[in-house]
Protein backbone atom coordinates (compact mmCIF):
# COMPACT_ATOMS: atom_id res chain seq x y z
CA MET A 1 1.70 17.97 -36.85
CA ASN A 2 -1.41 15.79 -36.84
CA ALA A 3 -0.75 12.09 -36.26
CA CYS A 4 -4.36 11.11 -37.05
CA PRO A 5 -5.61 10.46 -40.57
CA MET A 6 -7.96 13.04 -42.04
CA GLY A 7 -11.66 12.37 -41.60
CA ASP A 8 -11.48 10.61 -38.22
CA THR A 9 -13.83 11.97 -35.60
CA PHE A 10 -13.37 11.72 -31.88
CA ASP A 11 -16.17 11.80 -29.36
CA ILE A 12 -15.05 13.58 -26.24
CA GLY A 13 -17.14 12.84 -23.16
CA ASP A 14 -18.37 15.46 -20.76
CA PRO A 15 -16.02 15.34 -17.75
CA GLU A 16 -18.71 16.68 -15.41
CA GLU A 17 -21.03 13.79 -16.28
CA ASP A 18 -18.19 11.31 -15.78
CA ILE A 19 -17.35 12.79 -12.38
CA ASP A 20 -21.01 12.83 -11.33
CA THR A 21 -21.33 9.17 -12.31
CA VAL A 22 -18.26 8.17 -10.28
CA VAL A 23 -19.40 10.22 -7.28
CA SER A 24 -22.85 8.63 -7.31
CA GLN A 25 -21.30 5.15 -7.55
CA MET A 26 -19.04 5.90 -4.57
CA LYS A 27 -21.99 7.16 -2.53
CA GLU A 28 -23.87 3.92 -3.17
CA LEU A 29 -20.80 1.88 -2.23
CA ASN A 30 -20.35 3.87 0.98
CA LYS A 31 -23.99 3.22 1.91
CA LYS A 32 -23.50 -0.52 1.43
CA VAL A 33 -20.26 -0.58 3.43
CA SER A 34 -21.60 1.60 6.24
CA ALA A 35 -24.63 -0.64 6.65
CA ARG A 36 -22.39 -3.66 7.26
CA VAL A 37 -20.09 -2.10 9.89
CA THR A 38 -21.07 -2.44 13.54
CA SER A 39 -20.35 0.17 16.20
CA LYS A 40 -17.35 -1.94 17.28
CA GLY A 41 -15.80 -1.68 13.83
CA VAL A 42 -16.50 -5.22 12.70
CA ALA A 43 -18.13 -6.10 9.41
CA THR A 44 -19.41 -9.46 8.25
CA VAL A 45 -18.12 -10.18 4.78
CA VAL A 46 -19.60 -12.90 2.59
CA LYS A 47 -16.97 -14.55 0.43
CA GLY A 48 -17.57 -15.81 -3.10
CA ASN A 49 -18.02 -19.39 -1.92
CA GLY A 50 -20.79 -18.37 0.51
CA THR A 51 -18.82 -18.51 3.76
CA LYS A 52 -19.05 -15.58 6.13
CA LYS A 53 -16.06 -13.95 7.78
CA GLN A 54 -15.94 -11.16 10.34
CA LEU A 55 -13.40 -8.52 9.43
CA ASN A 56 -12.02 -5.77 11.64
CA VAL A 57 -12.39 -2.51 9.77
CA SER A 58 -10.79 -0.22 12.35
CA TRP A 59 -8.37 0.96 9.68
CA LEU A 60 -11.31 2.81 8.10
CA LYS A 61 -11.75 5.11 11.11
CA PRO A 62 -9.35 7.83 9.92
CA TYR A 63 -11.24 8.01 6.63
CA TYR A 64 -14.83 7.51 7.72
CA ARG A 65 -16.16 9.12 10.88
CA LEU A 66 -19.27 7.03 11.34
CA GLU A 67 -21.92 7.99 13.85
CA SER A 68 -23.69 5.25 15.76
CA LYS A 69 -27.07 6.26 14.30
CA SER A 70 -25.82 5.68 10.75
CA LEU A 71 -24.67 2.16 11.63
CA ASN A 72 -28.12 0.82 12.45
C-alpha cells in the first residue's frame, strides 16, 4: 500500500557523501579542539560575551590520546 500520492518524486541522498561530509567536519573540529588543549589538559575557552575561562578537559583523555607534539 502506497501512502504517497501518485506523481511525487523523492530525492534520496548518497549516504557515502553524507558520511564523508560529517567525517570531514569532525576532523576539522578535532583540529580546533586539539590546538586549544595544553599538555596539562587545560583549554582556554572564549565565551559568547568575550570572557575567557580555563576549562579542565581531563575527561577527554579516554577518548583522545593526544601526543605532546600535536598540542603545540
